[in-house]
Amino acid sequence: MPAYKTGKKTRQYSNEFKVGAVLMSCKPDRLIRDVAQSLDIHPFMLSRWRKEYFEGKLVADKRKIPTDLKAIERPEQPPEPDRLKQLERENEALRMENDFLKKWQRFLAEQRRKGSRS
């Protein structure tokens, strides 16, 4: 019986290549689809690399990145502590409102029971 090769060989890309592709796709006039097509990779792969880059998981040696691409920086993240405090305040207000509505519902149910017994 002949031996079959199992699976498809996957190409492994260097971190410098990935970062270069990400930086190319970050330019304002470029679409991810066009960059992926020019590099002969799938757009989903490039999107995954972009996500990893912006999360800080994908890092390359800065000496090997072309100087024109070094100018593109990661976008600023919104200040998390302020946002978190705002969401906590909003959550507390909604909890209080929910508790009040539950109490009101119990009160109305009691009033209906009292009215039906007489």
N, C-alpha and C. Protein backbone atom coordinates (compact mmCIF):
# COMPACT_ATOMS: atom_id res chain seq x y z
N MET A 1 0.84 -1.17 0.00
CA MET A 1 0.00 0.00 0.00
C MET A 1 0.89 1.25 0.00
N PRO A 2 0.62 2.24 -0.87
CA PRO A 2 1.49 3.42 -0.94
C PRO A 2 1.31 4.29 0.31
N ALA A 3 2.38 4.94 0.68
CA ALA A 3 2.34 5.84 1.84
C ALA A 3 1.82 7.20 1.37
N TYR A 4 0.82 7.67 2.07
CA TYR A 4 0.24 8.97 1.74
C TYR A 4 0.81 10.03 2.66
N LYS A 5 1.02 11.17 2.11
CA LYS A 5 1.45 12.29 2.93
C LYS A 5 0.20 12.86 3.60
N THR A 6 0.30 13.02 4.89
CA THR A 6 -0.87 13.54 5.60
C THR A 6 -0.67 15.02 5.87
N GLY A 7 -1.73 15.74 5.68
CA GLY A 7 -1.71 17.16 5.98
C GLY A 7 -1.00 17.99 4.93
N LYS A 8 -1.27 19.25 4.99
CA LYS A 8 -0.66 20.18 4.08
C LYS A 8 0.47 20.91 4.80
N LYS A 9 1.56 21.10 4.13
CA LYS A 9 2.67 21.82 4.75
C LYS A 9 2.27 23.27 4.93
N THR A 10 2.52 23.76 6.11
CA THR A 10 2.22 25.16 6.37
C THR A 10 3.50 25.95 6.36
N ARG A 11 3.40 27.12 5.84
CA ARG A 11 4.57 27.98 5.76
C ARG A 11 4.69 28.77 7.05
N GLN A 12 5.88 28.84 7.58
CA GLN A 12 6.12 29.60 8.80
C GLN A 12 6.79 30.91 8.42
N TYR A 13 6.25 32.00 8.95
CA TYR A 13 6.76 33.33 8.63
C TYR A 13 7.53 33.87 9.83
N SER A 14 8.54 34.65 9.55
CA SER A 14 9.33 35.25 10.64
C SER A 14 8.54 36.39 11.27
N ASN A 15 8.92 36.72 12.49
CA ASN A 15 8.25 37.84 13.17
C ASN A 15 8.45 39.15 12.43
N GLU A 16 9.63 39.32 11.81
CA GLU A 16 9.89 40.55 11.06
C GLU A 16 8.94 40.66 9.87
N PHE A 17 8.70 39.55 9.20
CA PHE A 17 7.77 39.54 8.07
C PHE A 17 6.36 39.89 8.55
N LYS A 18 5.95 39.29 9.67
CA LYS A 18 4.61 39.53 10.21
C LYS A 18 4.44 41.00 10.59
N VAL A 19 5.43 41.53 11.30
CA VAL A 19 5.34 42.93 11.74
C VAL A 19 5.36 43.86 10.53
N GLY A 20 6.18 43.55 9.55
CA GLY A 20 6.20 44.36 8.34
C GLY A 20 4.86 44.35 7.63
N ALA A 21 4.22 43.19 7.57
CA ALA A 21 2.91 43.09 6.94
C ALA A 21 1.88 43.89 7.73
N VAL A 22 1.95 43.80 9.05
CA VAL A 22 1.01 44.55 9.90
C VAL A 22 1.20 46.05 9.69
N LEU A 23 2.45 46.49 9.70
CA LEU A 23 2.71 47.92 9.53
C LEU A 23 2.29 48.40 8.15
N MET A 24 2.46 47.56 7.14
CA MET A 24 1.99 47.94 5.80
C MET A 24 0.47 48.09 5.79
N SER A 25 -0.23 47.21 6.52
CA SER A 25 -1.69 47.26 6.51
C SER A 25 -2.24 48.39 7.38
N CYS A 26 -1.37 48.99 8.21
CA CYS A 26 -1.82 50.09 9.08
C CYS A 26 -1.83 51.44 8.38
N LYS A 27 -1.26 51.49 7.21
CA LYS A 27 -1.26 52.76 6.48
C LYS A 27 -2.70 53.12 6.13
N PRO A 28 -3.04 54.40 6.19
CA PRO A 28 -4.45 54.80 6.00
C PRO A 28 -5.03 54.48 4.63
N ASP A 29 -4.21 54.44 3.59
CA ASP A 29 -4.74 54.23 2.25
C ASP A 29 -4.69 52.77 1.80
N ARG A 30 -4.37 51.84 2.71
CA ARG A 30 -4.23 50.44 2.34
C ARG A 30 -5.32 49.60 2.99
N LEU A 31 -5.84 48.65 2.24
CA LEU A 31 -6.82 47.70 2.77
C LEU A 31 -6.11 46.40 3.14
N ILE A 32 -6.62 45.74 4.15
CA ILE A 32 -6.03 44.47 4.59
C ILE A 32 -6.04 43.47 3.44
N ARG A 33 -7.15 43.44 2.71
CA ARG A 33 -7.28 42.49 1.61
C ARG A 33 -6.19 42.71 0.56
N ASP A 34 -5.90 43.99 0.23
CA ASP A 34 -4.89 44.29 -0.79
C ASP A 34 -3.49 43.93 -0.31
N VAL A 35 -3.19 44.23 0.95
CA VAL A 35 -1.87 43.89 1.49
C VAL A 35 -1.69 42.38 1.51
N ALA A 36 -2.72 41.67 1.98
CA ALA A 36 -2.64 40.21 2.03
C ALA A 36 -2.44 39.62 0.64
N GLN A 37 -3.14 40.16 -0.33
CA GLN A 37 -3.02 39.66 -1.69
C GLN A 37 -1.61 39.92 -2.24
N SER A 38 -1.07 41.09 -1.95
CA SER A 38 0.27 41.40 -2.46
C SER A 38 1.35 40.54 -1.80
N LEU A 39 1.10 40.10 -0.56
CA LEU A 39 2.07 39.24 0.14
C LEU A 39 1.77 37.76 -0.05
N ASP A 40 0.71 37.45 -0.76
CA ASP A 40 0.29 36.07 -1.02
C ASP A 40 -0.01 35.31 0.28
N ILE A 41 -0.78 35.98 1.15
CA ILE A 41 -1.26 35.34 2.37
C ILE A 41 -2.76 35.56 2.47
N HIS A 42 -3.41 34.84 3.34
CA HIS A 42 -4.85 34.97 3.51
C HIS A 42 -5.15 36.20 4.37
N PRO A 43 -6.18 36.97 4.01
CA PRO A 43 -6.52 38.17 4.80
C PRO A 43 -6.80 37.87 6.27
N PHE A 44 -7.37 36.70 6.55
CA PHE A 44 -7.64 36.34 7.94
C PHE A 44 -6.34 36.21 8.72
N MET A 45 -5.30 35.67 8.08
CA MET A 45 -4.01 35.52 8.74
C MET A 45 -3.45 36.89 9.09
N LEU A 46 -3.56 37.82 8.16
CA LEU A 46 -3.06 39.17 8.41
C LEU A 46 -3.86 39.83 9.53
N SER A 47 -5.16 39.61 9.56
CA SER A 47 -5.97 40.17 10.63
C SER A 47 -5.56 39.59 11.98
N ARG A 48 -5.26 38.31 12.02
CA ARG A 48 -4.81 37.67 13.26
C ARG A 48 -3.47 38.25 13.70
N TRP A 49 -2.58 38.49 12.75
CA TRP A 49 -1.28 39.09 13.08
C TRP A 49 -1.47 40.50 13.62
N ARG A 50 -2.41 41.25 13.02
CA ARG A 50 -2.67 42.61 13.51
C ARG A 50 -3.16 42.58 14.96
N LYS A 51 -4.05 41.65 15.25
CA LYS A 51 -4.57 41.53 16.62
C LYS A 51 -3.43 41.21 17.58
N GLU A 52 -2.59 40.25 17.22
CA GLU A 52 -1.45 39.88 18.07
C GLU A 52 -0.50 41.05 18.25
N TYR A 53 -0.29 41.83 17.19
CA TYR A 53 0.61 42.97 17.27
C TYR A 53 0.08 44.03 18.23
N PHE A 54 -1.21 44.33 18.11
CA PHE A 54 -1.79 45.37 18.96
C PHE A 54 -1.93 44.91 20.41
N GLU A 55 -1.99 43.61 20.65
CA GLU A 55 -2.02 43.09 22.01
C GLU A 55 -0.61 42.98 22.59
N GLY A 56 0.40 43.18 21.76
CA GLY A 56 1.78 43.12 22.23
C GLY A 56 2.37 41.72 22.19
N LYS A 57 1.68 40.77 21.61
CA LYS A 57 2.17 39.40 21.54
C LYS A 57 3.16 39.21 20.40
N LEU A 58 3.07 40.04 19.39
CA LEU A 58 3.92 39.93 18.20
C LEU A 58 4.92 41.08 18.23
N VAL A 59 6.18 40.75 18.41
CA VAL A 59 7.23 41.77 18.50
C VAL A 59 8.37 41.34 17.60
N ALA A 60 8.95 42.30 16.92
CA ALA A 60 10.08 41.98 16.04
C ALA A 60 11.26 42.85 16.44
N ASP A 61 12.40 42.48 15.97
CA ASP A 61 13.62 43.24 16.21
C ASP A 61 13.49 44.57 15.50
N LYS A 62 13.55 45.67 16.23
CA LYS A 62 13.33 46.99 15.64
C LYS A 62 14.43 47.38 14.66
N ARG A 63 15.58 46.76 14.76
CA ARG A 63 16.67 47.09 13.84
C ARG A 63 16.39 46.56 12.44
N LYS A 64 15.53 45.55 12.30
CA LYS A 64 15.29 44.94 10.99
C LYS A 64 14.07 45.50 10.28
N ILE A 65 13.29 46.36 10.95
CA ILE A 65 12.11 46.94 10.33
C ILE A 65 12.54 48.18 9.54
N PRO A 66 12.07 48.33 8.31
CA PRO A 66 12.43 49.51 7.53
C PRO A 66 12.03 50.80 8.26
N THR A 67 12.84 51.85 8.09
CA THR A 67 12.63 53.08 8.85
C THR A 67 11.29 53.75 8.54
N ASP A 68 10.81 53.65 7.31
CA ASP A 68 9.53 54.29 6.98
C ASP A 68 8.37 53.60 7.67
N LEU A 69 8.52 52.33 8.06
CA LEU A 69 7.46 51.61 8.74
C LEU A 69 7.52 51.79 10.26
N LYS A 70 8.66 52.25 10.79
CA LYS A 70 8.79 52.45 12.23
C LYS A 70 7.90 53.58 12.72
N ALA A 71 7.54 54.50 11.85
CA ALA A 71 6.74 55.65 12.26
C ALA A 71 5.32 55.26 12.65
N ILE A 72 4.84 54.13 12.17
CA ILE A 72 3.48 53.70 12.49
C ILE A 72 3.50 53.06 13.86
N GLU A 73 2.83 53.66 14.78
CA GLU A 73 2.81 53.16 16.15
C GLU A 73 1.49 52.48 16.45
N ARG A 74 1.46 51.76 17.53
CA ARG A 74 0.22 51.13 17.98
C ARG A 74 -0.77 52.22 18.36
N PRO A 75 -2.06 52.04 18.08
CA PRO A 75 -3.04 53.05 18.47
C PRO A 75 -3.14 53.13 19.99
N GLU A 76 -3.44 54.34 20.48
CA GLU A 76 -3.56 54.52 21.92
C GLU A 76 -4.80 53.81 22.44
N GLN A 77 -4.63 53.19 23.60
CA GLN A 77 -5.75 52.52 24.25
C GLN A 77 -6.44 53.51 25.17
N PRO A 78 -7.77 53.45 25.28
CA PRO A 78 -8.45 54.36 26.19
C PRO A 78 -8.04 54.07 27.63
N PRO A 79 -8.05 55.08 28.47
CA PRO A 79 -7.66 54.85 29.87
C PRO A 79 -8.64 53.91 30.55
N GLU A 80 -8.15 52.73 30.89
CA GLU A 80 -9.01 51.69 31.45
C GLU A 80 -9.54 52.01 32.84
N PRO A 81 -8.74 52.54 33.77
CA PRO A 81 -9.28 52.78 35.12
C PRO A 81 -10.49 53.71 35.12
N ASP A 82 -10.44 54.78 34.31
CA ASP A 82 -11.57 55.71 34.26
C ASP A 82 -12.80 55.02 33.70
N ARG A 83 -12.62 54.28 32.65
CA ARG A 83 -13.73 53.56 32.02
C ARG A 83 -14.31 52.53 32.98
N LEU A 84 -13.43 51.84 33.70
CA LEU A 84 -13.86 50.82 34.65
C LEU A 84 -14.67 51.45 35.79
N LYS A 85 -14.22 52.58 36.31
CA LYS A 85 -14.96 53.27 37.38
C LYS A 85 -16.33 53.70 36.90
N GLN A 86 -16.39 54.21 35.68
CA GLN A 86 -17.67 54.65 35.12
C GLN A 86 -18.63 53.47 34.99
N LEU A 87 -18.13 52.34 34.50
CA LEU A 87 -18.97 51.16 34.35
C LEU A 87 -19.42 50.61 35.71
N GLU A 88 -18.55 50.69 36.71
CA GLU A 88 -18.94 50.22 38.05
C GLU A 88 -20.05 51.10 38.63
N ARG A 89 -19.96 52.42 38.46
CA ARG A 89 -21.02 53.33 38.93
C ARG A 89 -22.34 53.03 38.23
N GLU A 90 -22.26 52.85 36.92
CA GLU A 90 -23.46 52.56 36.15
C GLU A 90 -24.06 51.22 36.57
N ASN A 91 -23.22 50.23 36.82
CA ASN A 91 -23.68 48.92 37.25
C ASN A 91 -24.39 49.03 38.61
N GLU A 92 -23.84 49.79 39.53
CA GLU A 92 -24.45 49.95 40.85
C GLU A 92 -25.81 50.64 40.74
N ALA A 93 -25.91 51.66 39.89
CA ALA A 93 -27.18 52.34 39.71
C ALA A 93 -28.23 51.39 39.13
N LEU A 94 -27.83 50.57 38.18
CA LEU A 94 -28.77 49.62 37.58
C LEU A 94 -29.20 48.54 38.58
N ARG A 95 -28.27 48.11 39.43
CA ARG A 95 -28.63 47.14 40.47
C ARG A 95 -29.66 47.72 41.44
N MET A 96 -29.45 48.98 41.84
CA MET A 96 -30.39 49.62 42.76
C MET A 96 -31.77 49.75 42.11
N GLU A 97 -31.78 50.13 40.84
CA GLU A 97 -33.05 50.25 40.12
C GLU A 97 -33.75 48.90 40.02
N ASN A 98 -32.98 47.86 39.75
CA ASN A 98 -33.54 46.52 39.64
C ASN A 98 -34.12 46.06 40.98
N ASP A 99 -33.38 46.31 42.08
CA ASP A 99 -33.88 45.95 43.41
C ASP A 99 -35.17 46.69 43.72
N PHE A 100 -35.22 47.97 43.39
CA PHE A 100 -36.43 48.74 43.63
C PHE A 100 -37.62 48.16 42.86
N LEU A 101 -37.39 47.81 41.61
CA LEU A 101 -38.49 47.25 40.81
C LEU A 101 -38.95 45.90 41.35
N LYS A 102 -38.03 45.09 41.86
CA LYS A 102 -38.42 43.82 42.47
C LYS A 102 -39.27 44.05 43.71
N LYS A 103 -38.87 45.02 44.55
CA LYS A 103 -39.64 45.33 45.75
C LYS A 103 -41.03 45.83 45.37
N TRP A 104 -41.10 46.67 44.36
CA TRP A 104 -42.39 47.20 43.91
C TRP A 104 -43.28 46.07 43.40
N GLN A 105 -42.71 45.14 42.69
CA GLN A 105 -43.46 44.00 42.18
C GLN A 105 -44.00 43.15 43.33
N ARG A 106 -43.19 42.92 44.35
CA ARG A 106 -43.66 42.17 45.53
C ARG A 106 -44.78 42.91 46.24
N PHE A 107 -44.64 44.22 46.35
CA PHE A 107 -45.67 45.03 47.01
C PHE A 107 -47.00 44.92 46.25
N LEU A 108 -46.95 45.02 44.95
CA LEU A 108 -48.19 44.93 44.15
C LEU A 108 -48.80 43.54 44.26
N ALA A 109 -47.96 42.50 44.30
CA ALA A 109 -48.48 41.14 44.44
C ALA A 109 -49.18 40.98 45.79
N GLU A 110 -48.62 41.56 46.85
CA GLU A 110 -49.25 41.50 48.18
C GLU A 110 -50.59 42.23 48.17
N GLN A 111 -50.63 43.36 47.54
CA GLN A 111 -51.87 44.14 47.48
C GLN A 111 -52.96 43.37 46.74
N ARG A 112 -52.60 42.68 45.69
CA ARG A 112 -53.59 41.88 44.95
C ARG A 112 -54.10 40.73 45.80
N ARG A 113 -53.20 40.08 46.55
CA ARG A 113 -53.62 38.97 47.42
C ARG A 113 -54.55 39.47 48.52
N LYS A 114 -54.24 40.62 49.13
CA LYS A 114 -55.08 41.17 50.18
C LYS A 114 -56.45 41.55 49.63
N GLY A 115 -56.47 42.06 48.43
CA GLY A 115 -57.74 42.48 47.83
C GLY A 115 -58.60 41.29 47.44
N SER A 116 -58.03 40.18 47.10
CA SER A 116 -58.81 39.01 46.65
C SER A 116 -59.40 38.24 47.82
N ARG A 117 -58.89 38.37 49.05
CA ARG A 117 -59.40 37.65 50.21
C ARG A 117 -60.66 38.27 50.77
N SER A 118 -60.88 39.54 50.59
CA SER A 118 -62.03 40.18 51.21
C SER A 118 -63.30 39.96 50.49
